[in-house]
Amino acid sequence: MVAASTTGAMMAMTGAASARPELVGIAGDYSPGTIVVKTGERKLYLVIDGSHAMRYTVGVGKAGRQWAGTTKIDGKYKNPAWAPPADVKRDKPNIPDVIPGGSPQNPMGVAAMTLAGGEYAIHGTNVPNSVGGYVSYGCIRMLNTDITDLYDRVSIGTTVVVTR
C-alpha cells in the first residue's frame, strides 16, 4: 500500500542501471496514452500512437504473484511512504508497519502510481538490479529514472493493461 509523503527528499539510484526508455513499434488495438505491461517480456509500453510506444524494462510479479487485467491509475505520489500489504507482512513479520518516503529502506523508490482495484502500483525501487526480473508481490517495478519519466507522461485515470 502506498501513502502520500510530504518528504521532499529524493532517493538516489545506485548501481550502473540508468533510464532506457526506447521508442518502438507496437501492435494491438490500444489507444494513445494507454500503459501496456507485458509480464512475460518484463516490459512496460506507453502507447504514443497506433503503431508506436515508449518501452521500459520493468520488474514484475514472481511466480504465484502475477496477474493480468485492465485497470486505471488512481493515484500519483512523489516520494511515497509505504505500508506493507498483509501478505508481505506475513512473509516478513519484522518489516516496519510504515516506511517513510525518501528512506533508503522504502521499496517504492522516488515515485509511485497506484492502480485501482487492489494493492498494486507502478513504482520506482531501492533495488535497481531487481528491475527486469520476476521479483515483486504483483507490483510493476521500474528504475527511479524511468518511473520519473513515465510519471511525467501520464495522469490519474490512465488505462493500464497487464498481460501475461
N, C-alpha and C. Protein backbone atom coordinates (compact mmCIF):
# COMPACT_ATOMS: atom_id res chain seq x y z
N MET A 1 0.84 -1.17 0.00
CA MET A 1 0.00 0.00 0.00
C MET A 1 0.89 1.24 0.00
N VAL A 2 0.49 2.26 -0.68
CA VAL A 2 1.24 3.50 -0.80
C VAL A 2 0.52 4.59 -0.03
N ALA A 3 1.27 5.41 0.65
CA ALA A 3 0.71 6.57 1.33
C ALA A 3 1.45 7.80 0.85
N ALA A 4 0.75 8.90 0.74
CA ALA A 4 1.38 10.15 0.29
C ALA A 4 2.40 10.58 1.33
N SER A 5 3.46 11.22 0.86
CA SER A 5 4.51 11.69 1.75
C SER A 5 4.75 13.17 1.51
N THR A 6 5.02 13.88 2.58
CA THR A 6 5.36 15.29 2.45
C THR A 6 6.87 15.48 2.42
N THR A 7 7.60 14.38 2.49
CA THR A 7 9.05 14.47 2.47
C THR A 7 9.53 14.93 1.11
N GLY A 8 10.42 15.90 1.08
CA GLY A 8 10.94 16.41 -0.17
C GLY A 8 12.21 15.70 -0.61
N ALA A 9 12.70 14.79 0.20
CA ALA A 9 13.97 14.11 -0.12
C ALA A 9 13.78 13.18 -1.30
N MET A 10 14.75 13.14 -2.16
CA MET A 10 14.74 12.23 -3.29
C MET A 10 15.72 11.10 -2.99
N MET A 11 15.34 9.87 -3.34
CA MET A 11 16.26 8.77 -3.17
C MET A 11 17.20 8.72 -4.36
N ALA A 12 18.44 8.54 -4.11
CA ALA A 12 19.42 8.42 -5.19
C ALA A 12 19.43 6.98 -5.68
N MET A 13 19.47 6.82 -6.97
CA MET A 13 19.56 5.48 -7.54
C MET A 13 21.03 5.07 -7.49
N THR A 14 21.27 3.83 -7.09
CA THR A 14 22.64 3.34 -7.04
C THR A 14 22.84 2.30 -8.13
N GLY A 15 24.08 1.97 -8.39
CA GLY A 15 24.39 0.96 -9.38
C GLY A 15 24.53 1.56 -10.76
N ALA A 16 24.80 0.71 -11.74
CA ALA A 16 25.08 1.15 -13.09
C ALA A 16 23.83 1.31 -13.93
N ALA A 17 22.67 0.91 -13.42
CA ALA A 17 21.44 0.99 -14.20
C ALA A 17 21.09 2.44 -14.47
N SER A 18 20.53 2.68 -15.65
CA SER A 18 20.08 4.02 -15.99
C SER A 18 18.82 3.92 -16.84
N ALA A 19 18.15 5.04 -17.03
CA ALA A 19 16.91 5.06 -17.80
C ALA A 19 17.17 4.59 -19.22
N ARG A 20 16.27 3.76 -19.70
CA ARG A 20 16.44 3.23 -21.04
C ARG A 20 15.14 3.20 -21.82
N PRO A 21 14.25 4.18 -21.68
CA PRO A 21 13.04 4.09 -22.50
C PRO A 21 13.42 4.21 -23.97
N GLU A 22 12.76 3.39 -24.79
CA GLU A 22 13.04 3.38 -26.22
C GLU A 22 11.73 3.57 -26.97
N LEU A 23 11.77 4.29 -28.08
CA LEU A 23 10.63 4.39 -28.97
C LEU A 23 10.63 3.15 -29.86
N VAL A 24 9.55 2.35 -29.78
CA VAL A 24 9.47 1.09 -30.53
C VAL A 24 8.10 0.98 -31.19
N GLY A 25 8.00 0.04 -32.10
CA GLY A 25 6.70 -0.28 -32.70
C GLY A 25 5.89 -1.12 -31.74
N ILE A 26 4.56 -1.00 -31.84
CA ILE A 26 3.69 -1.84 -31.00
C ILE A 26 2.47 -2.23 -31.83
N ALA A 27 2.08 -3.49 -31.68
CA ALA A 27 0.89 -3.99 -32.36
C ALA A 27 -0.23 -4.13 -31.34
N GLY A 28 -1.43 -3.97 -31.78
CA GLY A 28 -2.58 -4.11 -30.88
C GLY A 28 -3.49 -2.92 -31.03
N ASP A 29 -4.65 -3.07 -30.48
CA ASP A 29 -5.67 -2.03 -30.59
C ASP A 29 -5.71 -1.22 -29.31
N TYR A 30 -4.65 -0.47 -29.04
CA TYR A 30 -4.54 0.32 -27.82
C TYR A 30 -4.66 1.80 -28.16
N SER A 31 -5.37 2.53 -27.34
CA SER A 31 -5.50 3.97 -27.52
C SER A 31 -4.22 4.67 -27.08
N PRO A 32 -3.87 5.78 -27.74
CA PRO A 32 -2.72 6.57 -27.28
C PRO A 32 -2.88 6.93 -25.80
N GLY A 33 -1.78 6.84 -25.07
CA GLY A 33 -1.80 7.13 -23.64
C GLY A 33 -1.98 5.91 -22.76
N THR A 34 -2.35 4.78 -23.35
CA THR A 34 -2.52 3.54 -22.58
C THR A 34 -1.17 2.97 -22.17
N ILE A 35 -1.10 2.46 -20.95
CA ILE A 35 0.09 1.72 -20.49
C ILE A 35 -0.21 0.24 -20.67
N VAL A 36 0.71 -0.47 -21.33
CA VAL A 36 0.58 -1.91 -21.53
C VAL A 36 1.78 -2.57 -20.87
N VAL A 37 1.54 -3.47 -19.92
CA VAL A 37 2.60 -4.22 -19.27
C VAL A 37 2.53 -5.65 -19.79
N LYS A 38 3.62 -6.11 -20.40
CA LYS A 38 3.71 -7.48 -20.89
C LYS A 38 4.61 -8.24 -19.91
N THR A 39 3.95 -8.93 -18.98
CA THR A 39 4.66 -9.60 -17.88
C THR A 39 5.73 -10.56 -18.39
N GLY A 40 5.40 -11.37 -19.39
CA GLY A 40 6.36 -12.35 -19.91
C GLY A 40 7.60 -11.70 -20.49
N GLU A 41 7.47 -10.50 -21.02
CA GLU A 41 8.61 -9.77 -21.57
C GLU A 41 9.34 -8.95 -20.51
N ARG A 42 8.64 -8.70 -19.39
CA ARG A 42 9.13 -7.78 -18.36
C ARG A 42 9.39 -6.41 -18.97
N LYS A 43 8.36 -5.95 -19.73
CA LYS A 43 8.41 -4.65 -20.39
C LYS A 43 7.09 -3.91 -20.14
N LEU A 44 7.20 -2.60 -20.07
CA LEU A 44 6.05 -1.71 -19.97
C LEU A 44 6.10 -0.81 -21.20
N TYR A 45 4.95 -0.65 -21.85
CA TYR A 45 4.83 0.18 -23.04
C TYR A 45 3.86 1.31 -22.76
N LEU A 46 4.25 2.54 -23.08
CA LEU A 46 3.34 3.67 -23.07
C LEU A 46 3.02 3.96 -24.52
N VAL A 47 1.76 3.71 -24.92
CA VAL A 47 1.35 3.85 -26.31
C VAL A 47 1.35 5.33 -26.69
N ILE A 48 2.08 5.65 -27.75
CA ILE A 48 2.18 7.02 -28.25
C ILE A 48 1.13 7.26 -29.34
N ASP A 49 1.02 6.32 -30.27
CA ASP A 49 0.01 6.40 -31.34
C ASP A 49 -0.33 4.97 -31.74
N GLY A 50 -1.04 4.79 -32.85
CA GLY A 50 -1.50 3.47 -33.26
C GLY A 50 -0.42 2.44 -33.54
N SER A 51 0.83 2.88 -33.69
CA SER A 51 1.87 1.91 -34.01
C SER A 51 3.20 2.14 -33.27
N HIS A 52 3.23 3.09 -32.32
CA HIS A 52 4.47 3.38 -31.59
C HIS A 52 4.23 3.48 -30.09
N ALA A 53 5.27 3.13 -29.34
CA ALA A 53 5.20 3.21 -27.88
C ALA A 53 6.59 3.47 -27.31
N MET A 54 6.61 4.03 -26.11
CA MET A 54 7.84 4.11 -25.34
C MET A 54 7.93 2.82 -24.55
N ARG A 55 9.07 2.14 -24.60
CA ARG A 55 9.24 0.85 -23.91
C ARG A 55 10.24 1.01 -22.77
N TYR A 56 9.86 0.46 -21.61
CA TYR A 56 10.69 0.48 -20.41
C TYR A 56 10.85 -0.95 -19.90
N THR A 57 12.00 -1.29 -19.35
CA THR A 57 12.19 -2.57 -18.68
C THR A 57 11.62 -2.46 -17.27
N VAL A 58 10.93 -3.50 -16.83
CA VAL A 58 10.29 -3.49 -15.50
C VAL A 58 10.53 -4.82 -14.79
N GLY A 59 10.39 -4.79 -13.47
CA GLY A 59 10.30 -5.99 -12.66
C GLY A 59 8.82 -6.29 -12.46
N VAL A 60 8.46 -7.55 -12.45
CA VAL A 60 7.05 -7.95 -12.33
C VAL A 60 6.89 -8.99 -11.23
N GLY A 61 5.67 -9.44 -11.04
CA GLY A 61 5.37 -10.41 -10.00
C GLY A 61 6.12 -11.72 -10.16
N LYS A 62 6.60 -12.22 -9.02
CA LYS A 62 7.27 -13.52 -9.05
C LYS A 62 6.22 -14.61 -9.20
N ALA A 63 6.64 -15.85 -9.34
CA ALA A 63 5.73 -16.97 -9.52
C ALA A 63 4.65 -16.95 -8.44
N GLY A 64 3.42 -17.09 -8.86
CA GLY A 64 2.29 -17.08 -7.94
C GLY A 64 1.80 -15.69 -7.57
N ARG A 65 2.47 -14.66 -8.03
CA ARG A 65 2.11 -13.28 -7.70
C ARG A 65 1.77 -12.46 -8.95
N GLN A 66 1.78 -13.10 -10.11
CA GLN A 66 1.47 -12.39 -11.34
C GLN A 66 -0.04 -12.30 -11.53
N TRP A 67 -0.46 -11.29 -12.24
CA TRP A 67 -1.87 -11.08 -12.52
C TRP A 67 -2.01 -10.46 -13.90
N ALA A 68 -3.20 -10.47 -14.41
CA ALA A 68 -3.49 -9.85 -15.71
C ALA A 68 -4.85 -9.18 -15.61
N GLY A 69 -5.03 -8.13 -16.38
CA GLY A 69 -6.30 -7.43 -16.39
C GLY A 69 -6.13 -5.99 -16.80
N THR A 70 -7.24 -5.28 -16.75
CA THR A 70 -7.26 -3.86 -17.11
C THR A 70 -7.69 -3.05 -15.90
N THR A 71 -6.98 -1.98 -15.64
CA THR A 71 -7.28 -1.11 -14.51
C THR A 71 -6.93 0.32 -14.90
N LYS A 72 -6.92 1.20 -13.96
CA LYS A 72 -6.56 2.61 -14.20
C LYS A 72 -5.66 3.10 -13.08
N ILE A 73 -4.85 4.10 -13.39
CA ILE A 73 -4.08 4.76 -12.35
C ILE A 73 -5.05 5.58 -11.51
N ASP A 74 -5.05 5.35 -10.20
CA ASP A 74 -5.97 6.11 -9.34
C ASP A 74 -5.26 7.03 -8.35
N GLY A 75 -3.92 7.06 -8.40
CA GLY A 75 -3.17 7.97 -7.53
C GLY A 75 -1.74 8.11 -8.03
N LYS A 76 -1.17 9.29 -7.83
CA LYS A 76 0.23 9.55 -8.18
C LYS A 76 0.90 10.20 -6.99
N TYR A 77 2.07 9.66 -6.61
CA TYR A 77 2.75 10.13 -5.40
C TYR A 77 4.25 10.23 -5.65
N LYS A 78 4.82 11.35 -5.27
CA LYS A 78 6.28 11.52 -5.27
C LYS A 78 6.78 11.19 -3.87
N ASN A 79 7.89 10.49 -3.78
CA ASN A 79 8.47 10.07 -2.50
C ASN A 79 7.43 9.48 -1.55
N PRO A 80 6.71 8.45 -2.02
CA PRO A 80 5.63 7.91 -1.20
C PRO A 80 6.13 7.15 0.03
N ALA A 81 5.39 7.28 1.11
CA ALA A 81 5.59 6.37 2.24
C ALA A 81 5.00 5.01 1.81
N TRP A 82 5.39 3.95 2.49
CA TRP A 82 4.90 2.62 2.13
C TRP A 82 4.50 1.84 3.36
N ALA A 83 3.32 1.26 3.30
CA ALA A 83 2.84 0.34 4.34
C ALA A 83 2.72 -1.03 3.68
N PRO A 84 3.43 -2.03 4.16
CA PRO A 84 3.40 -3.34 3.50
C PRO A 84 2.01 -3.97 3.58
N PRO A 85 1.54 -4.52 2.45
CA PRO A 85 0.27 -5.26 2.47
C PRO A 85 0.37 -6.48 3.38
N ALA A 86 -0.76 -7.05 3.72
CA ALA A 86 -0.83 -8.17 4.66
C ALA A 86 0.05 -9.35 4.24
N ASP A 87 0.07 -9.69 2.93
CA ASP A 87 0.86 -10.85 2.52
C ASP A 87 2.36 -10.59 2.64
N VAL A 88 2.80 -9.35 2.43
CA VAL A 88 4.21 -9.02 2.63
C VAL A 88 4.54 -9.09 4.13
N LYS A 89 3.66 -8.53 4.94
CA LYS A 89 3.86 -8.52 6.40
C LYS A 89 3.89 -9.95 6.95
N ARG A 90 3.05 -10.81 6.38
CA ARG A 90 3.03 -12.21 6.81
C ARG A 90 4.36 -12.90 6.49
N ASP A 91 4.88 -12.65 5.30
CA ASP A 91 6.14 -13.27 4.87
C ASP A 91 7.36 -12.64 5.53
N LYS A 92 7.25 -11.37 5.90
CA LYS A 92 8.38 -10.63 6.50
C LYS A 92 7.87 -9.91 7.75
N PRO A 93 7.62 -10.64 8.83
CA PRO A 93 6.99 -10.05 10.01
C PRO A 93 7.80 -8.94 10.68
N ASN A 94 9.09 -8.88 10.46
CA ASN A 94 9.91 -7.85 11.11
C ASN A 94 9.94 -6.53 10.35
N ILE A 95 9.28 -6.48 9.19
CA ILE A 95 9.28 -5.24 8.40
C ILE A 95 8.43 -4.19 9.15
N PRO A 96 8.87 -2.93 9.15
CA PRO A 96 8.08 -1.90 9.84
C PRO A 96 6.68 -1.75 9.23
N ASP A 97 5.74 -1.25 10.03
CA ASP A 97 4.37 -1.04 9.56
C ASP A 97 4.29 0.06 8.50
N VAL A 98 5.15 1.05 8.58
CA VAL A 98 5.23 2.13 7.59
C VAL A 98 6.69 2.49 7.41
N ILE A 99 7.08 2.64 6.14
CA ILE A 99 8.43 3.11 5.83
C ILE A 99 8.27 4.48 5.18
N PRO A 100 8.88 5.51 5.77
CA PRO A 100 8.70 6.87 5.25
C PRO A 100 9.23 7.05 3.83
N GLY A 101 8.61 7.97 3.11
CA GLY A 101 9.10 8.33 1.78
C GLY A 101 10.50 8.91 1.88
N GLY A 102 11.34 8.59 0.91
CA GLY A 102 12.71 9.07 0.91
C GLY A 102 13.68 8.20 1.69
N SER A 103 13.16 7.24 2.46
CA SER A 103 14.02 6.35 3.23
C SER A 103 14.72 5.36 2.29
N PRO A 104 16.00 5.07 2.52
CA PRO A 104 16.69 4.07 1.69
C PRO A 104 16.05 2.68 1.80
N GLN A 105 15.30 2.41 2.85
CA GLN A 105 14.63 1.11 3.00
C GLN A 105 13.27 1.06 2.29
N ASN A 106 12.80 2.19 1.76
CA ASN A 106 11.49 2.23 1.12
C ASN A 106 11.55 1.61 -0.27
N PRO A 107 10.82 0.51 -0.50
CA PRO A 107 10.88 -0.18 -1.78
C PRO A 107 10.13 0.53 -2.91
N MET A 108 9.45 1.64 -2.62
CA MET A 108 8.67 2.34 -3.65
C MET A 108 9.50 3.29 -4.49
N GLY A 109 10.73 3.58 -4.09
CA GLY A 109 11.56 4.48 -4.86
C GLY A 109 11.05 5.91 -4.81
N VAL A 110 11.33 6.66 -5.87
CA VAL A 110 11.07 8.10 -5.88
C VAL A 110 9.64 8.47 -6.25
N ALA A 111 8.88 7.53 -6.82
CA ALA A 111 7.51 7.83 -7.22
C ALA A 111 6.72 6.54 -7.34
N ALA A 112 5.40 6.68 -7.19
CA ALA A 112 4.50 5.54 -7.34
C ALA A 112 3.18 6.01 -7.93
N MET A 113 2.60 5.14 -8.73
CA MET A 113 1.27 5.37 -9.28
C MET A 113 0.43 4.15 -8.90
N THR A 114 -0.55 4.38 -8.04
CA THR A 114 -1.37 3.27 -7.57
C THR A 114 -2.39 2.87 -8.62
N LEU A 115 -2.75 1.60 -8.60
CA LEU A 115 -3.69 1.05 -9.56
C LEU A 115 -5.01 0.75 -8.86
N ALA A 116 -6.10 1.11 -9.50
CA ALA A 116 -7.44 0.91 -8.93
C ALA A 116 -7.72 -0.58 -8.75
N GLY A 117 -8.49 -0.89 -7.73
CA GLY A 117 -8.97 -2.25 -7.54
C GLY A 117 -8.02 -3.18 -6.82
N GLY A 118 -7.00 -2.69 -6.18
CA GLY A 118 -6.09 -3.59 -5.50
C GLY A 118 -5.00 -2.85 -4.76
N GLU A 119 -4.02 -3.60 -4.34
CA GLU A 119 -2.90 -3.04 -3.59
C GLU A 119 -1.65 -2.94 -4.45
N TYR A 120 -1.83 -2.86 -5.77
CA TYR A 120 -0.69 -2.82 -6.67
C TYR A 120 -0.39 -1.40 -7.11
N ALA A 121 0.86 -1.21 -7.56
CA ALA A 121 1.31 0.08 -8.06
C ALA A 121 2.38 -0.13 -9.11
N ILE A 122 2.57 0.89 -9.91
CA ILE A 122 3.74 1.01 -10.77
C ILE A 122 4.64 1.96 -10.00
N HIS A 123 5.86 1.54 -9.67
CA HIS A 123 6.68 2.36 -8.79
C HIS A 123 8.16 2.20 -9.07
N GLY A 124 8.95 3.09 -8.47
CA GLY A 124 10.40 3.02 -8.54
C GLY A 124 10.89 1.92 -7.61
N THR A 125 12.17 1.94 -7.31
CA THR A 125 12.73 0.90 -6.46
C THR A 125 13.98 1.38 -5.74
N ASN A 126 14.25 0.75 -4.61
CA ASN A 126 15.51 0.97 -3.91
C ASN A 126 16.50 -0.17 -4.22
N VAL A 127 16.12 -1.06 -5.14
CA VAL A 127 16.97 -2.18 -5.55
C VAL A 127 17.00 -2.21 -7.09
N PRO A 128 17.76 -1.31 -7.72
CA PRO A 128 17.72 -1.20 -9.18
C PRO A 128 18.09 -2.48 -9.92
N ASN A 129 18.92 -3.32 -9.33
CA ASN A 129 19.30 -4.56 -10.02
C ASN A 129 18.15 -5.56 -10.11
N SER A 130 17.04 -5.31 -9.42
CA SER A 130 15.89 -6.21 -9.49
C SER A 130 15.02 -5.93 -10.71
N VAL A 131 15.18 -4.77 -11.32
CA VAL A 131 14.38 -4.42 -12.49
C VAL A 131 14.77 -5.34 -13.64
N GLY A 132 13.76 -5.91 -14.29
CA GLY A 132 14.00 -6.87 -15.36
C GLY A 132 13.74 -8.30 -14.92
N GLY A 133 13.43 -8.49 -13.64
CA GLY A 133 13.21 -9.83 -13.12
C GLY A 133 11.77 -10.07 -12.68
N TYR A 134 11.53 -11.30 -12.22
CA TYR A 134 10.26 -11.70 -11.61
C TYR A 134 10.49 -11.57 -10.11
N VAL A 135 10.14 -10.41 -9.54
CA VAL A 135 10.66 -10.05 -8.23
C VAL A 135 9.64 -9.55 -7.22
N SER A 136 8.45 -9.17 -7.65
CA SER A 136 7.55 -8.45 -6.74
C SER A 136 6.39 -9.32 -6.26
N TYR A 137 5.58 -8.72 -5.42
CA TYR A 137 4.33 -9.33 -4.96
C TYR A 137 3.18 -8.98 -5.89
N GLY A 138 3.47 -8.46 -7.06
CA GLY A 138 2.45 -8.11 -8.05
C GLY A 138 2.58 -6.70 -8.58
N CYS A 139 3.37 -5.87 -7.93
CA CYS A 139 3.60 -4.52 -8.42
C CYS A 139 4.50 -4.54 -9.64
N ILE A 140 4.48 -3.42 -10.36
CA ILE A 140 5.35 -3.22 -11.51
C ILE A 140 6.47 -2.30 -11.05
N ARG A 141 7.69 -2.79 -11.08
CA ARG A 141 8.84 -2.09 -10.53
C ARG A 141 9.70 -1.51 -11.66
N MET A 142 10.06 -0.23 -11.53
CA MET A 142 10.85 0.46 -12.54
C MET A 142 12.08 1.11 -11.92
N LEU A 143 13.08 1.38 -12.74
CA LEU A 143 14.19 2.20 -12.28
C LEU A 143 13.65 3.57 -11.89
N ASN A 144 14.26 4.20 -10.92
CA ASN A 144 13.77 5.51 -10.46
C ASN A 144 13.76 6.55 -11.58
N THR A 145 14.76 6.53 -12.45
CA THR A 145 14.76 7.48 -13.57
C THR A 145 13.62 7.18 -14.54
N ASP A 146 13.29 5.90 -14.72
CA ASP A 146 12.20 5.53 -15.63
C ASP A 146 10.83 5.87 -15.04
N ILE A 147 10.61 5.61 -13.76
CA ILE A 147 9.31 5.95 -13.17
C ILE A 147 9.12 7.46 -13.18
N THR A 148 10.20 8.21 -13.01
CA THR A 148 10.10 9.67 -13.07
C THR A 148 9.68 10.11 -14.46
N ASP A 149 10.26 9.50 -15.49
CA ASP A 149 9.89 9.82 -16.87
C ASP A 149 8.43 9.46 -17.14
N LEU A 150 8.02 8.25 -16.78
CA LEU A 150 6.65 7.81 -17.02
C LEU A 150 5.66 8.65 -16.22
N TYR A 151 5.98 8.93 -14.97
CA TYR A 151 5.12 9.73 -14.08
C TYR A 151 4.77 11.06 -14.72
N ASP A 152 5.75 11.68 -15.37
CA ASP A 152 5.52 12.97 -16.01
C ASP A 152 4.71 12.87 -17.30
N ARG A 153 4.60 11.68 -17.87
CA ARG A 153 3.90 11.49 -19.15
C ARG A 153 2.43 11.08 -19.00
N VAL A 154 2.04 10.60 -17.82
CA VAL A 154 0.67 10.08 -17.67
C VAL A 154 -0.06 10.79 -16.54
N SER A 155 -1.36 10.57 -16.47
CA SER A 155 -2.17 11.22 -15.44
C SER A 155 -3.07 10.21 -14.76
N ILE A 156 -3.68 10.65 -13.66
CA ILE A 156 -4.68 9.83 -12.98
C ILE A 156 -5.79 9.55 -14.00
N GLY A 157 -6.24 8.30 -14.02
CA GLY A 157 -7.24 7.88 -14.98
C GLY A 157 -6.68 7.15 -16.19
N THR A 158 -5.34 7.17 -16.35
CA THR A 158 -4.70 6.45 -17.45
C THR A 158 -5.04 4.97 -17.36
N THR A 159 -5.42 4.37 -18.49
CA THR A 159 -5.71 2.94 -18.55
C THR A 159 -4.40 2.15 -18.52
N VAL A 160 -4.41 1.07 -17.74
CA VAL A 160 -3.27 0.16 -17.62
C VAL A 160 -3.76 -1.24 -17.96
N VAL A 161 -3.14 -1.85 -18.96
CA VAL A 161 -3.47 -3.22 -19.38
C VAL A 161 -2.28 -4.10 -19.04
N VAL A 162 -2.50 -5.12 -18.22
CA VAL A 162 -1.44 -6.05 -17.84
C VAL A 162 -1.75 -7.40 -18.50
N THR A 163 -0.80 -7.90 -19.27
CA THR A 163 -0.95 -9.20 -19.92
C THR A 163 0.15 -10.13 -19.45
N ARG A 164 -0.08 -11.41 -19.58
CA ARG A 164 0.95 -12.38 -19.24
C ARG A 164 1.69 -12.71 -20.48
